[in-house]
């Protein structure tokens, strides 16, 4: 079932807070599915390893992109570019949830 968006809709005066909704929703998920907590506590060394592989590869693609034929450029843009973008989104999401607080500090 979908969580209700209390305070959202016609006739309401309460201001909607995405952060508050997200905290409530996370609590609901953890209460209903305790096994999710184990997923959230897994180690993230793979993220660093992936970054160490992707970032130099992405840099190389950028450096050589002016000399690439159009097909190779498209394949690299959609392949390496999308992998790097998804990696960056994961990193930002982990930081925003305090998962890497010791490394990145509080946000």
Protein backbone atom coordinates (compact mmCIF):
# COMPACT_ATOMS: atom_id res chain seq x y z
CA UNK A 1 0.00 0.00 0.00
CA UNK A 2 1.11 3.53 -0.68
CA UNK A 3 1.73 5.86 2.26
CA UNK A 4 -0.62 8.80 2.53
CA UNK A 5 0.70 12.28 1.93
CA UNK A 6 -0.74 13.95 4.99
CA UNK A 7 -0.98 17.70 4.58
CA UNK A 8 -1.04 17.60 0.78
CA UNK A 9 -4.05 18.35 -1.33
CA UNK A 10 -6.94 20.72 -1.69
CA UNK A 11 -8.13 22.38 1.48
CA UNK A 12 -5.06 21.63 3.59
CA UNK A 13 -3.04 24.33 5.27
CA UNK A 14 -0.16 22.18 6.56
CA UNK A 15 3.10 22.64 4.70
CA UNK A 16 4.42 19.45 3.13
CA UNK A 17 7.94 18.41 4.16
CA UNK A 18 9.60 15.87 1.88
CA UNK A 19 12.27 15.19 4.51
CA UNK A 20 9.66 14.51 7.21
CA UNK A 21 7.65 12.28 4.85
CA UNK A 22 10.81 10.38 3.93
CA UNK A 23 11.74 9.83 7.61
CA UNK A 24 8.23 8.55 8.39
CA UNK A 25 8.22 6.31 5.34
CA UNK A 26 11.64 4.88 6.23
CA UNK A 27 10.40 4.10 9.76
CA UNK A 28 7.32 2.38 8.32
CA UNK A 29 9.44 0.27 5.96
CA UNK A 30 11.85 -0.75 8.74
CA UNK A 31 8.96 -1.62 11.04
CA UNK A 32 7.25 -3.75 8.39
CA UNK A 33 10.43 -5.30 6.97
CA UNK A 34 13.24 -5.63 9.57
CA UNK A 35 15.43 -7.43 7.04
CA UNK A 36 15.88 -4.11 5.21
CA UNK A 37 18.01 -2.83 8.11
CA UNK A 38 20.60 -5.49 7.26
CA UNK A 39 20.83 -4.18 3.70
CA UNK A 40 21.40 -0.66 4.97
CA UNK A 41 24.26 -1.79 7.18
CA UNK A 42 26.22 -3.61 4.48
CA UNK A 43 29.74 -2.45 3.82
CA UNK A 44 30.36 -0.08 0.90
CA UNK A 45 33.93 -0.83 -0.14
CA UNK A 46 32.62 -1.79 -3.55
CA UNK A 47 31.57 1.83 -4.11
CA UNK A 48 35.15 3.05 -3.70
CA UNK A 49 36.46 0.29 -5.95
CA UNK A 50 33.89 1.12 -8.61
CA UNK A 51 34.83 4.81 -8.39
CA UNK A 52 38.52 3.95 -8.77
CA UNK A 53 37.66 2.11 -11.99
CA UNK A 54 35.01 4.42 -13.40
CA UNK A 55 36.50 7.86 -12.83
CA UNK A 56 39.77 7.31 -14.75
CA UNK A 57 37.84 5.50 -17.50
CA UNK A 58 35.37 8.39 -17.71
CA UNK A 59 38.25 10.89 -17.75
CA UNK A 60 39.89 8.99 -20.58
CA UNK A 61 36.65 9.03 -22.56
CA UNK A 62 36.36 12.79 -22.05
CA UNK A 63 39.97 13.33 -23.06
CA UNK A 64 39.68 11.28 -26.24
CA UNK A 65 36.09 12.16 -27.16
CA UNK A 66 37.03 14.79 -29.80
CA UNK A 67 38.89 12.06 -31.76
CA UNK A 68 36.24 9.35 -31.46
CA UNK A 69 34.03 8.27 -34.34
CA UNK A 70 30.34 9.06 -33.67
CA UNK A 71 29.35 5.45 -32.86
CA UNK A 72 32.19 5.02 -30.36
CA UNK A 73 31.34 8.37 -28.78
CA UNK A 74 27.67 7.36 -28.37
CA UNK A 75 28.57 3.98 -26.90
CA UNK A 76 30.96 5.60 -24.42
CA UNK A 77 28.52 8.37 -23.53
CA UNK A 78 25.69 5.93 -22.84
CA UNK A 79 27.88 3.22 -21.35
CA UNK A 80 30.60 4.85 -19.26
CA UNK A 81 28.65 8.09 -18.85
CA UNK A 82 25.56 6.41 -17.45
CA UNK A 83 27.60 4.17 -15.14
CA UNK A 84 29.42 7.20 -13.77
CA UNK A 85 26.15 9.10 -13.35
CA UNK A 86 24.51 6.24 -11.46
CA UNK A 87 27.61 5.85 -9.28
CA UNK A 88 27.45 9.57 -8.44
CA UNK A 89 23.73 9.34 -7.64
CA UNK A 90 24.37 6.40 -5.30
CA UNK A 91 27.18 8.33 -3.57
CA UNK A 92 25.00 11.42 -3.13
CA UNK A 93 22.11 9.36 -1.83
CA UNK A 94 24.32 7.54 0.67
CA UNK A 95 25.77 10.84 1.90
CA UNK A 96 22.33 12.45 2.19
CA UNK A 97 21.18 9.60 4.44
CA UNK A 98 24.23 9.89 6.67
CA UNK A 99 25.56 6.53 5.60
CA UNK A 100 29.09 7.89 5.15
CA UNK A 101 28.98 10.39 8.01
CA UNK A 102 32.46 9.39 9.22
CA UNK A 103 33.90 10.01 5.75
CA UNK A 104 31.89 12.99 4.52
CA UNK A 105 30.71 14.65 7.73
CA UNK A 106 27.10 15.51 8.62
CA UNK A 107 24.74 16.82 5.93
